[in-house]
């Protein structure tokens, strides 16, 4: 079975760079979950993103692209091929070029939700 820990570490590092003014709800081996602060006094925190190790790949979830698909404008075909659904990207090995593009996309998403 393939060791996915390096992929998880790299992708969780990408997400962690953008958590200023957000909360890390879960920080465990194979699972990082980040929330936005509540939008009002009686509101609950909103899901921003997560990195999860699955059986044969690591998933990188980015909720703002689900809510606003225009955030994906300009995304490379190579990164789009990694998409599963509307807001999840799957990787089974490290890819510095795509991780750098995902970093830029995450930065864009974090700027929109602040």
Protein backbone atom coordinates (compact mmCIF):
# COMPACT_ATOMS: atom_id res chain seq x y z
CA UNK A 1 0.00 0.00 0.00
CA UNK A 2 1.26 3.45 -0.90
CA UNK A 3 2.42 5.81 1.87
CA UNK A 4 0.15 8.86 1.63
CA UNK A 5 1.64 10.70 4.64
CA UNK A 6 3.91 12.93 2.50
CA UNK A 7 0.95 13.91 0.34
CA UNK A 8 -1.14 14.69 3.42
CA UNK A 9 1.66 16.75 4.98
CA UNK A 10 2.17 18.76 1.80
CA UNK A 11 -1.54 19.45 1.26
CA UNK A 12 -2.23 20.24 4.91
CA UNK A 13 0.70 22.68 4.72
CA UNK A 14 -1.01 24.42 1.81
CA UNK A 15 -4.28 24.76 3.74
CA UNK A 16 -2.58 25.84 6.98
CA UNK A 17 -0.96 28.81 5.19
CA UNK A 18 -4.40 30.37 4.76
CA UNK A 19 -6.12 29.84 8.12
CA UNK A 20 -5.59 33.32 9.55
CA UNK A 21 -8.85 34.41 11.21
CA UNK A 22 -10.20 30.87 10.77
CA UNK A 23 -10.35 27.98 13.22
CA UNK A 24 -8.89 24.54 12.97
CA UNK A 25 -11.66 22.26 14.19
CA UNK A 26 -9.82 18.97 13.65
CA UNK A 27 -6.06 18.50 13.52
CA UNK A 28 -5.33 14.79 13.62
CA UNK A 29 -3.18 12.40 11.60
CA UNK A 30 -4.83 12.14 8.21
CA UNK A 31 -7.49 14.77 8.93
CA UNK A 32 -7.35 18.57 8.97
CA UNK A 33 -10.65 20.51 9.09
CA UNK A 34 -10.83 24.32 8.92
CA UNK A 35 -13.85 26.52 9.69
CA UNK A 36 -14.74 30.15 9.14
CA UNK A 37 -15.91 32.12 12.17
CA UNK A 38 -19.69 32.42 12.62
CA UNK A 39 -21.24 35.13 10.43
CA UNK A 40 -23.37 36.39 13.31
CA UNK A 41 -24.09 35.89 17.00
CA UNK A 42 -26.56 33.03 16.51
CA UNK A 43 -24.80 31.44 13.52
CA UNK A 44 -22.57 28.39 13.43
CA UNK A 45 -19.05 28.27 11.99
CA UNK A 46 -18.96 27.55 8.25
CA UNK A 47 -16.83 24.91 6.56
CA UNK A 48 -13.87 26.36 4.62
CA UNK A 49 -11.69 23.40 3.75
CA UNK A 50 -10.22 20.09 4.76
CA UNK A 51 -7.51 17.59 3.94
CA UNK A 52 -8.33 13.93 4.48
CA UNK A 53 -6.40 10.75 3.87
CA UNK A 54 -8.58 8.10 2.27
CA UNK A 55 -7.69 4.51 1.36
CA UNK A 56 -5.78 5.26 -1.85
CA UNK A 57 -5.62 9.06 -2.11
CA UNK A 58 -5.67 12.33 -0.16
CA UNK A 59 -8.63 14.67 -0.63
CA UNK A 60 -8.33 18.45 -0.52
CA UNK A 61 -11.74 20.06 0.01
CA UNK A 62 -12.25 23.75 -0.69
CA UNK A 63 -15.84 24.87 -0.04
CA UNK A 64 -15.66 28.39 -1.52
CA UNK A 65 -15.29 26.92 -5.03
CA UNK A 66 -18.54 25.02 -4.47
CA UNK A 67 -20.32 28.21 -3.45
CA UNK A 68 -18.72 30.30 -6.21
CA UNK A 69 -17.52 28.22 -9.17
CA UNK A 70 -16.11 31.36 -10.84
CA UNK A 71 -13.19 31.05 -8.39
CA UNK A 72 -12.03 28.19 -10.62
CA UNK A 73 -11.69 30.49 -13.65
CA UNK A 74 -8.16 30.15 -14.99
CA UNK A 75 -7.56 26.81 -13.27
CA UNK A 76 -5.37 24.49 -15.33
CA UNK A 77 -6.78 21.39 -16.99
CA UNK A 78 -4.29 19.33 -14.98
CA UNK A 79 -5.76 20.54 -11.67
CA UNK A 80 -9.33 20.21 -12.93
CA UNK A 81 -8.60 16.57 -13.76
CA UNK A 82 -7.94 16.05 -10.05
CA UNK A 83 -11.43 17.28 -9.16
CA UNK A 84 -14.07 14.97 -7.82
CA UNK A 85 -17.40 16.72 -7.52
CA UNK A 86 -17.48 20.49 -7.28
CA UNK A 87 -15.05 21.24 -4.47
CA UNK A 88 -12.71 18.29 -3.93
CA UNK A 89 -9.29 17.55 -5.42
CA UNK A 90 -7.72 14.09 -5.05
CA UNK A 91 -4.01 13.23 -5.08
CA UNK A 92 -2.21 9.93 -4.67
CA UNK A 93 1.29 11.41 -4.96
CA UNK A 94 3.02 14.73 -4.45
CA UNK A 95 2.85 17.18 -7.34
CA UNK A 96 4.67 20.45 -6.53
CA UNK A 97 3.31 22.25 -9.62
CA UNK A 98 -0.32 21.40 -8.89
CA UNK A 99 0.16 21.99 -5.16
CA UNK A 100 1.47 25.49 -5.96
CA UNK A 101 -1.61 26.13 -8.12
CA UNK A 102 -3.84 24.81 -5.34
CA UNK A 103 -2.05 27.17 -2.95
CA UNK A 104 -2.91 30.13 -5.20
CA UNK A 105 -6.53 28.96 -5.48
CA UNK A 106 -6.79 28.57 -1.70
CA UNK A 107 -5.37 32.08 -1.25
CA UNK A 108 -7.98 33.42 -3.65
CA UNK A 109 -10.73 31.62 -1.73
CA UNK A 110 -9.48 32.84 1.65
CA UNK A 111 -9.45 36.44 0.36
CA UNK A 112 -13.07 36.16 -0.79
CA UNK A 113 -14.45 34.84 2.49
CA UNK A 114 -12.74 37.38 4.78
